[in-house]
Amino acid sequence: MALYVVAFTEHGGSRCPCRIRAAAGVDHITLAVQKIWGARCYWSWMPGSDTDGRVYERVGDAPDAEDIPRTGRMTVSIVPAQRRARE
């Protein structure tokens, strides 16, 4: 399994990186969102963007219009993580 760094950066604000080790084909963004904000949270893409979105917390069992926004607009990036050198 490969190691990735998924980073969420608020526009004009803070950056929240998360290291994820997952198999190919897994949704790394979903794993990172749930690791940082909790299992009931999910990523929602902004219309027309393939880098920006928001994190929401589900109120019910499925994503809905009444879900609670947990973040403002953020940019997400996924890059392979560099392994630390062993001594």
PDB file of N, CA and C in Angstrom:
ATOM      1  N   MET A   1       0.838  -1.185   0.000  1.00  0.00           N
ATOM      2  CA  MET A   1       0.000   0.000   0.000  1.00  0.00           C
ATOM      3  C   MET A   1       0.876   1.239   0.000  1.00  0.00           C
ATOM      4  N   ALA A   2       0.470   2.204  -0.777  1.00  0.00           N
ATOM      5  CA  ALA A   2       1.231   3.439  -0.901  1.00  0.00           C
ATOM      6  C   ALA A   2       0.857   4.433   0.200  1.00  0.00           C
ATOM      7  N   LEU A   3       1.780   5.332   0.502  1.00  0.00           N
ATOM      8  CA  LEU A   3       1.569   6.368   1.500  1.00  0.00           C
ATOM      9  C   LEU A   3       1.401   7.696   0.787  1.00  0.00           C
ATOM     10  N   TYR A   4       0.341   8.422   1.151  1.00  0.00           N
ATOM     11  CA  TYR A   4       0.034   9.716   0.528  1.00  0.00           C
ATOM     12  C   TYR A   4      -0.157  10.777   1.597  1.00  0.00           C
ATOM     13  N   VAL A   5       0.057  12.036   1.207  1.00  0.00           N
ATOM     14  CA  VAL A   5      -0.299  13.171   2.045  1.00  0.00           C
ATOM     15  C   VAL A   5      -1.460  13.871   1.358  1.00  0.00           C
ATOM     16  N   VAL A   6      -2.589  13.925   2.057  1.00  0.00           N
ATOM     17  CA  VAL A   6      -3.759  14.649   1.573  1.00  0.00           C
ATOM     18  C   VAL A   6      -3.810  15.933   2.385  1.00  0.00           C
ATOM     19  N   ALA A   7      -3.769  17.086   1.726  1.00  0.00           N
ATOM     20  CA  ALA A   7      -3.759  18.367   2.424  1.00  0.00           C
ATOM     21  C   ALA A   7      -4.975  19.193   2.034  1.00  0.00           C
ATOM     22  N   PHE A   8      -5.613  19.759   3.052  1.00  0.00           N
ATOM     23  CA  PHE A   8      -6.748  20.653   2.861  1.00  0.00           C
ATOM     24  C   PHE A   8      -6.288  22.041   3.257  1.00  0.00           C
ATOM     25  N   THR A   9      -6.436  23.018   2.354  1.00  0.00           N
ATOM     26  CA  THR A   9      -5.989  24.380   2.613  1.00  0.00           C
ATOM     27  C   THR A   9      -7.159  25.328   2.478  1.00  0.00           C
ATOM     28  N   GLU A  10      -7.465  26.052   3.568  1.00  0.00           N
ATOM     29  CA  GLU A  10      -8.536  27.036   3.516  1.00  0.00           C
ATOM     30  C   GLU A  10      -8.062  28.240   2.720  1.00  0.00           C
ATOM     31  N   HIS A  11      -8.963  28.855   1.970  1.00  0.00           N
ATOM     32  CA  HIS A  11      -8.620  30.038   1.186  1.00  0.00           C
ATOM     33  C   HIS A  11      -8.278  31.174   2.141  1.00  0.00           C
ATOM     34  N   GLY A  12      -7.022  31.617   2.088  1.00  0.00           N
ATOM     35  CA  GLY A  12      -6.551  32.682   2.959  1.00  0.00           C
ATOM     36  C   GLY A  12      -6.344  32.234   4.394  1.00  0.00           C
ATOM     37  N   GLY A  13      -6.206  30.924   4.622  1.00  0.00           N
ATOM     38  CA  GLY A  13      -6.105  30.466   6.001  1.00  0.00           C
ATOM     39  C   GLY A  13      -5.181  29.299   6.212  1.00  0.00           C
ATOM     40  N   SER A  14      -5.595  28.428   7.096  1.00  0.00           N
ATOM     41  CA  SER A  14      -4.745  27.339   7.557  1.00  0.00           C
ATOM     42  C   SER A  14      -4.693  26.160   6.590  1.00  0.00           C
ATOM     43  N   ARG A  15      -3.696  25.286   6.855  1.00  0.00           N
ATOM     44  CA  ARG A  15      -3.499  24.076   6.058  1.00  0.00           C
ATOM     45  C   ARG A  15      -3.555  22.890   7.008  1.00  0.00           C
ATOM     46  N   CYS A  16      -4.286  21.854   6.617  1.00  0.00           N
ATOM     47  CA  CYS A  16      -4.457  20.672   7.455  1.00  0.00           C
ATOM     48  C   CYS A  16      -4.035  19.434   6.670  1.00  0.00           C
ATOM     49  N   PRO A  17      -2.783  18.961   6.849  1.00  0.00           N
ATOM     50  CA  PRO A  17      -2.332  17.762   6.133  1.00  0.00           C
ATOM     51  C   PRO A  17      -2.666  16.487   6.894  1.00  0.00           C
ATOM     52  N   CYS A  18      -2.798  15.400   6.168  1.00  0.00           N
ATOM     53  CA  CYS A  18      -3.112  14.093   6.747  1.00  0.00           C
ATOM     54  C   CYS A  18      -2.375  13.022   5.951  1.00  0.00           C
ATOM     55  N   ARG A  19      -1.652  12.142   6.651  1.00  0.00           N
ATOM     56  CA  ARG A  19      -0.952  11.037   5.988  1.00  0.00           C
ATOM     57  C   ARG A  19      -1.884   9.839   5.935  1.00  0.00           C
ATOM     58  N   ILE A  20      -2.047   9.263   4.735  1.00  0.00           N
ATOM     59  CA  ILE A  20      -2.951   8.141   4.511  1.00  0.00           C
ATOM     60  C   ILE A  20      -2.186   7.010   3.832  1.00  0.00           C
ATOM     61  N   ARG A  21      -2.304   5.809   4.366  1.00  0.00           N
ATOM     62  CA  ARG A  21      -1.753   4.623   3.704  1.00  0.00           C
ATOM     63  C   ARG A  21      -2.954   3.810   3.242  1.00  0.00           C
ATOM     64  N   ALA A  22      -3.098   3.675   1.921  1.00  0.00           N
ATOM     65  CA  ALA A  22      -4.269   2.977   1.379  1.00  0.00           C
ATOM     66  C   ALA A  22      -3.910   2.310   0.060  1.00  0.00           C
ATOM     67  N   ALA A  23      -4.681   1.305  -0.282  1.00  0.00           N
ATOM     68  CA  ALA A  23      -4.492   0.577  -1.535  1.00  0.00           C
ATOM     69  C   ALA A  23      -4.920   1.434  -2.714  1.00  0.00           C
ATOM     70  N   ALA A  24      -4.449   1.077  -3.888  1.00  0.00           N
ATOM     71  CA  ALA A  24      -4.839   1.790  -5.103  1.00  0.00           C
ATOM     72  C   ALA A  24      -6.343   1.658  -5.313  1.00  0.00           C
ATOM     73  N   GLY A  25      -6.964   2.715  -5.828  1.00  0.00           N
ATOM     74  CA  GLY A  25      -8.390   2.688  -6.102  1.00  0.00           C
ATOM     75  C   GLY A  25      -9.254   3.132  -4.943  1.00  0.00           C
ATOM     76  N   VAL A  26      -8.666   3.377  -3.775  1.00  0.00           N
ATOM     77  CA  VAL A  26      -9.409   3.832  -2.607  1.00  0.00           C
ATOM     78  C   VAL A  26      -9.560   5.347  -2.681  1.00  0.00           C
ATOM     79  N   ASP A  27     -10.664   5.882  -2.170  1.00  0.00           N
ATOM     80  CA  ASP A  27     -10.899   7.326  -2.164  1.00  0.00           C
ATOM     81  C   ASP A  27     -10.108   7.949  -1.009  1.00  0.00           C
ATOM     82  N   HIS A  28      -8.930   8.472  -1.306  1.00  0.00           N
ATOM     83  CA  HIS A  28      -8.042   9.033  -0.288  1.00  0.00           C
ATOM     84  C   HIS A  28      -8.651  10.257   0.383  1.00  0.00           C
ATOM     85  N   ILE A  29      -9.412  11.052  -0.361  1.00  0.00           N
ATOM     86  CA  ILE A  29     -10.017  12.258   0.208  1.00  0.00           C
ATOM     87  C   ILE A  29     -11.027  11.872   1.287  1.00  0.00           C
ATOM     88  N   THR A  30     -11.869  10.894   1.009  1.00  0.00           N
ATOM     89  CA  THR A  30     -12.858  10.446   2.001  1.00  0.00           C
ATOM     90  C   THR A  30     -12.169   9.929   3.258  1.00  0.00           C
ATOM     91  N   LEU A  31     -11.119   9.125   3.099  1.00  0.00           N
ATOM     92  CA  LEU A  31     -10.389   8.615   4.256  1.00  0.00           C
ATOM     93  C   LEU A  31      -9.791   9.742   5.085  1.00  0.00           C
ATOM     94  N   ALA A  32      -9.188  10.736   4.418  1.00  0.00           N
ATOM     95  CA  ALA A  32      -8.577  11.858   5.133  1.00  0.00           C
ATOM     96  C   ALA A  32      -9.630  12.698   5.850  1.00  0.00           C
ATOM     97  N   VAL A  33     -10.758  12.982   5.192  1.00  0.00           N
ATOM     98  CA  VAL A  33     -11.832  13.769   5.818  1.00  0.00           C
ATOM     99  C   VAL A  33     -12.318  13.065   7.078  1.00  0.00           C
ATOM    100  N   GLN A  34     -12.553  11.771   6.998  1.00  0.00           N
ATOM    101  CA  GLN A  34     -13.065  11.037   8.151  1.00  0.00           C
ATOM    102  C   GLN A  34     -12.023  10.913   9.264  1.00  0.00           C
ATOM    103  N   LYS A  35     -10.750  10.870   8.904  1.00  0.00           N
ATOM    104  CA  LYS A  35      -9.690  10.814   9.910  1.00  0.00           C
ATOM    105  C   LYS A  35      -9.566  12.150  10.649  1.00  0.00           C
ATOM    106  N   ILE A  36      -9.713  13.269   9.931  1.00  0.00           N
ATOM    107  CA  ILE A  36      -9.553  14.596  10.530  1.00  0.00           C
ATOM    108  C   ILE A  36     -10.831  15.060  11.233  1.00  0.00           C
ATOM    109  N   TRP A  37     -11.979  14.990  10.542  1.00  0.00           N
ATOM    110  CA  TRP A  37     -13.217  15.585  11.054  1.00  0.00           C
ATOM    111  C   TRP A  37     -14.207  14.592  11.650  1.00  0.00           C
ATOM    112  N   GLY A  38     -14.026  13.298  11.433  1.00  0.00           N
ATOM    113  CA  GLY A  38     -14.914  12.299  12.028  1.00  0.00           C
ATOM    114  C   GLY A  38     -15.638  11.468  10.976  1.00  0.00           C
ATOM    115  N   ALA A  39     -16.150  10.313  11.403  1.00  0.00           N
ATOM    116  CA  ALA A  39     -16.751   9.336  10.491  1.00  0.00           C
ATOM    117  C   ALA A  39     -18.027   9.837   9.817  1.00  0.00           C
ATOM    118  N   ARG A  40     -18.730  10.788  10.394  1.00  0.00           N
ATOM    119  CA  ARG A  40     -19.983  11.286   9.808  1.00  0.00           C
ATOM    120  C   ARG A  40     -19.746  12.411   8.791  1.00  0.00           C
ATOM    121  N   CYS A  41     -18.493  12.750   8.531  1.00  0.00           N
ATOM    122  CA  CYS A  41     -18.185  13.862   7.625  1.00  0.00           C
ATOM    123  C   CYS A  41     -17.825  13.366   6.230  1.00  0.00           C
ATOM    124  N   TYR A  42     -18.049  14.236   5.243  1.00  0.00           N
ATOM    125  CA  TYR A  42     -17.750  13.898   3.857  1.00  0.00           C
ATOM    126  C   TYR A  42     -17.330  15.151   3.097  1.00  0.00           C
ATOM    127  N   TRP A  43     -16.681  14.932   1.963  1.00  0.00           N
ATOM    128  CA  TRP A  43     -16.182  15.994   1.087  1.00  0.00           C
ATOM    129  C   TRP A  43     -17.199  16.240  -0.010  1.00  0.00           C
ATOM    130  N   SER A  44     -17.494  17.496  -0.276  1.00  0.00           N
ATOM    131  CA  SER A  44     -18.400  17.871  -1.362  1.00  0.00           C
ATOM    132  C   SER A  44     -17.669  18.847  -2.282  1.00  0.00           C
ATOM    133  N   TRP A  45     -17.577  18.487  -3.563  1.00  0.00           N
ATOM    134  CA  TRP A  45     -16.880  19.331  -4.540  1.00  0.00           C
ATOM    135  C   TRP A  45     -17.691  20.587  -4.841  1.00  0.00           C
ATOM    136  N   MET A  46     -17.006  21.702  -5.052  1.00  0.00           N
ATOM    137  CA  MET A  46     -17.648  22.941  -5.492  1.00  0.00           C
ATOM    138  C   MET A  46     -17.998  22.771  -6.970  1.00  0.00           C
ATOM    139  N   PRO A  47     -19.151  23.276  -7.396  1.00  0.00           N
ATOM    140  CA  PRO A  47     -19.538  23.144  -8.812  1.00  0.00           C
ATOM    141  C   PRO A  47     -18.476  23.732  -9.743  1.00  0.00           C
ATOM    142  N   GLY A  48     -18.097  22.964 -10.743  1.00  0.00           N
ATOM    143  CA  GLY A  48     -17.141  23.410 -11.746  1.00  0.00           C
ATOM    144  C   GLY A  48     -15.685  23.354 -11.318  1.00  0.00           C
ATOM    145  N   SER A  49     -15.382  22.809 -10.152  1.00  0.00           N
ATOM    146  CA  SER A  49     -13.999  22.764  -9.681  1.00  0.00           C
ATOM    147  C   SER A  49     -13.559  21.323  -9.481  1.00  0.00           C
ATOM    148  N   ASP A  50     -12.289  21.052  -9.792  1.00  0.00           N
ATOM    149  CA  ASP A  50     -11.752  19.727  -9.498  1.00  0.00           C
ATOM    150  C   ASP A  50     -10.671  19.794  -8.414  1.00  0.00           C
ATOM    151  N   THR A  51     -10.585  20.942  -7.709  1.00  0.00           N
ATOM    152  CA  THR A  51      -9.639  21.070  -6.601  1.00  0.00           C
ATOM    153  C   THR A  51     -10.290  21.637  -5.338  1.00  0.00           C
ATOM    154  N   ASP A  52     -11.438  22.295  -5.447  1.00  0.00           N
ATOM    155  CA  ASP A  52     -12.052  22.977  -4.302  1.00  0.00           C
ATOM    156  C   ASP A  52     -13.337  22.294  -3.846  1.00  0.00           C
ATOM    157  N   GLY A  53     -13.583  22.391  -2.550  1.00  0.00           N
ATOM    158  CA  GLY A  53     -14.795  21.815  -1.985  1.00  0.00           C
ATOM    159  C   GLY A  53     -14.959  22.231  -0.537  1.00  0.00           C
ATOM    160  N   ARG A  54     -15.899  21.562   0.149  1.00  0.00           N
ATOM    161  CA  ARG A  54     -16.170  21.821   1.563  1.00  0.00           C
ATOM    162  C   ARG A  54     -16.400  20.495   2.270  1.00  0.00           C
ATOM    163  N   VAL A  55     -16.195  20.494   3.578  1.00  0.00           N
ATOM    164  CA  VAL A  55     -16.479  19.331   4.406  1.00  0.00           C
ATOM    165  C   VAL A  55     -17.809  19.568   5.105  1.00  0.00           C
ATOM    166  N   TYR A  56     -18.676  18.560   5.040  1.00  0.00           N
ATOM    167  CA  TYR A  56     -19.977  18.609   5.701  1.00  0.00           C
ATOM    168  C   TYR A  56     -20.103  17.447   6.671  1.00  0.00           C
ATOM    169  N   GLU A  57     -20.910  17.628   7.718  1.00  0.00           N
ATOM    170  CA  GLU A  57     -21.239  16.553   8.640  1.00  0.00           C
ATOM    171  C   GLU A  57     -22.671  16.113   8.386  1.00  0.00           C
ATOM    172  N   ARG A  58     -22.861  14.803   8.159  1.00  0.00           N
ATOM    173  CA  ARG A  58     -24.202  14.268   7.895  1.00  0.00           C
ATOM    174  C   ARG A  58     -25.082  14.399   9.129  1.00  0.00           C
ATOM    175  N   VAL A  59     -26.342  14.826   8.903  1.00  0.00           N
ATOM    176  CA  VAL A  59     -27.330  14.867   9.976  1.00  0.00           C
ATOM    177  C   VAL A  59     -28.058  13.535  10.039  1.00  0.00           C
ATOM    178  N   GLY A  60     -28.381  12.961   8.867  1.00  0.00           N
ATOM    179  CA  GLY A  60     -29.067  11.671   8.792  1.00  0.00           C
ATOM    180  C   GLY A  60     -28.131  10.577   8.341  1.00  0.00           C
ATOM    181  N   ASP A  61     -28.709   9.553   7.717  1.00  0.00           N
ATOM    182  CA  ASP A  61     -27.911   8.415   7.255  1.00  0.00           C
ATOM    183  C   ASP A  61     -27.193   8.675   5.941  1.00  0.00           C
ATOM    184  N   ALA A  62     -27.744   9.561   5.101  1.00  0.00           N
ATOM    185  CA  ALA A  62     -27.161   9.847   3.788  1.00  0.00           C
ATOM    186  C   ALA A  62     -26.938  11.355   3.657  1.00  0.00           C
ATOM    187  N   PRO A  63     -26.002  11.778   2.776  1.00  0.00           N
ATOM    188  CA  PRO A  63     -25.808  13.200   2.542  1.00  0.00           C
ATOM    189  C   PRO A  63     -27.129  13.875   2.146  1.00  0.00           C
ATOM    190  N   ASP A  64     -27.380  15.065   2.710  1.00  0.00           N
ATOM    191  CA  ASP A  64     -28.647  15.758   2.514  1.00  0.00           C
ATOM    192  C   ASP A  64     -28.390  17.265   2.514  1.00  0.00           C
ATOM    193  N   ALA A  65     -29.356  18.034   2.044  1.00  0.00           N
ATOM    194  CA  ALA A  65     -29.235  19.494   1.997  1.00  0.00           C
ATOM    195  C   ALA A  65     -29.177  20.112   3.391  1.00  0.00           C
ATOM    196  N   GLU A  66     -29.621  19.401   4.427  1.00  0.00           N
ATOM    197  CA  GLU A  66     -29.622  19.927   5.794  1.00  0.00           C
ATOM    198  C   GLU A  66     -28.329  19.621   6.555  1.00  0.00           C
ATOM    199  N   ASP A  67     -27.357  19.001   5.902  1.00  0.00           N
ATOM    200  CA  ASP A  67     -26.096  18.677   6.565  1.00  0.00           C
ATOM    201  C   ASP A  67     -25.375  19.942   7.007  1.00  0.00           C
ATOM    202  N   ILE A  68     -24.566  19.811   8.042  1.00  0.00           N
ATOM    203  CA  ILE A  68     -23.894  20.942   8.671  1.00  0.00           C
ATOM    204  C   ILE A  68     -22.521  21.162   8.026  1.00  0.00           C
ATOM    205  N   PRO A  69     -22.245  22.384   7.506  1.00  0.00           N
ATOM    206  CA  PRO A  69     -20.905  22.645   6.965  1.00  0.00           C
ATOM    207  C   PRO A  69     -19.874  22.703   8.098  1.00  0.00           C
ATOM    208  N   ARG A  70     -18.777  21.968   7.948  1.00  0.00           N
ATOM    209  CA  ARG A  70     -17.719  21.968   8.965  1.00  0.00           C
ATOM    210  C   ARG A  70     -16.566  22.888   8.587  1.00  0.00           C
ATOM    211  N   THR A  71     -16.449  23.225   7.293  1.00  0.00           N
ATOM    212  CA  THR A  71     -15.366  24.102   6.842  1.00  0.00           C
ATOM    213  C   THR A  71     -15.912  25.101   5.833  1.00  0.00           C
ATOM    214  N   GLY A  72     -15.103  26.110   5.547  1.00  0.00           N
ATOM    215  CA  GLY A  72     -15.375  26.988   4.422  1.00  0.00           C
ATOM    216  C   GLY A  72     -14.807  26.342   3.168  1.00  0.00           C
ATOM    217  N   ARG A  73     -14.723  27.118   2.108  1.00  0.00           N
ATOM    218  CA  ARG A  73     -14.160  26.605   0.862  1.00  0.00           C
ATOM    219  C   ARG A  73     -12.691  26.263   1.063  1.00  0.00           C
ATOM    220  N   MET A  74     -12.311  25.056   0.622  1.00  0.00           N
ATOM    221  CA  MET A  74     -10.935  24.576   0.778  1.00  0.00           C
ATOM    222  C   MET A  74     -10.436  23.994  -0.536  1.00  0.00           C
ATOM    223  N   THR A  75      -9.121  23.998  -0.685  1.00  0.00           N
ATOM    224  CA  THR A  75      -8.473  23.345  -1.813  1.00  0.00           C
ATOM    225  C   THR A  75      -7.832  22.070  -1.290  1.00  0.00           C
ATOM    226  N   VAL A  76      -8.012  20.971  -2.028  1.00  0.00           N
ATOM    227  CA  VAL A  76      -7.432  19.693  -1.621  1.00  0.00           C
ATOM    228  C   VAL A  76      -6.317  19.311  -2.590  1.00  0.00           C
ATOM    229  N   SER A  77      -5.268  18.713  -2.048  1.00  0.00           N
ATOM    230  CA  SER A  77      -4.180  18.184  -2.888  1.00  0.00           C
ATOM    231  C   SER A  77      -3.764  16.825  -2.342  1.00  0.00           C
ATOM    232  N   ILE A  78      -3.374  15.938  -3.251  1.00  0.00           N
ATOM    233  CA  ILE A  78      -2.909  14.598  -2.884  1.00  0.00           C
ATOM    234  C   ILE A  78      -1.557  14.391  -3.547  1.00  0.00           C
ATOM    235  N   VAL A  79      -0.552  14.078  -2.729  1.00  0.00           N
ATOM    236  CA  VAL A  79       0.791  13.824  -3.261  1.00  0.00           C
ATOM    237  C   VAL A  79       1.369  12.588  -2.566  1.00  0.00           C
ATOM    238  N   PRO A  80       2.222  11.849  -3.257  1.00  0.00           N
ATOM    239  CA  PRO A  80       2.895  10.719  -2.598  1.00  0.00           C
ATOM    240  C   PRO A  80       3.761  11.233  -1.452  1.00  0.00           C
ATOM    241  N   ALA A  81       3.731  10.552  -0.343  1.00  0.00           N
ATOM    242  CA  ALA A  81       4.548  10.943   0.817  1.00  0.00           C
ATOM    243  C   ALA A  81       5.963  10.408   0.663  1.00  0.00           C
ATOM    244  N   GLN A  82       6.909  11.149   1.184  1.00  0.00           N
ATOM    245  CA  GLN A  82       8.302  10.719   1.197  1.00  0.00           C
ATOM    246  C   GLN A  82       8.525   9.877   2.441  1.00  0.00           C
ATOM    247  N   ARG A  83       9.095   8.710   2.255  1.00  0.00           N
ATOM    248  CA  ARG A  83       9.390   7.860   3.411  1.00  0.00           C
ATOM    249  C   ARG A  83      10.556   8.451   4.199  1.00  0.00           C
ATOM    250  N   ARG A  84      10.485   8.313   5.501  1.00  0.00           N
ATOM    251  CA  ARG A  84      11.562   8.796   6.350  1.00  0.00           C
ATOM    252  C   ARG A  84      12.734   7.835   6.279  1.00  0.00           C
ATOM    253  N   ALA A  85      13.937   8.378   6.288  1.00  0.00           N
ATOM    254  CA  ALA A  85      15.142   7.539   6.224  1.00  0.00           C
ATOM    255  C   ALA A  85      15.295   6.747   7.518  1.00  0.00           C
ATOM    256  N   ARG A  86      15.655   5.482   7.372  1.00  0.00           N
ATOM    257  CA  ARG A  86      15.916   4.643   8.551  1.00  0.00           C
ATOM    258  C   ARG A  86      17.378   4.742   8.919  1.00  0.00           C
ATOM    259  N   GLU A  87      17.620   4.802  10.183  1.00  0.00           N
ATOM    260  CA  GLU A  87      19.014   4.922  10.630  1.00  0.00           C
ATOM    261  C   GLU A  87      19.485   3.639  11.244  1.00  0.00           C
TER     262      GLU A  87
END
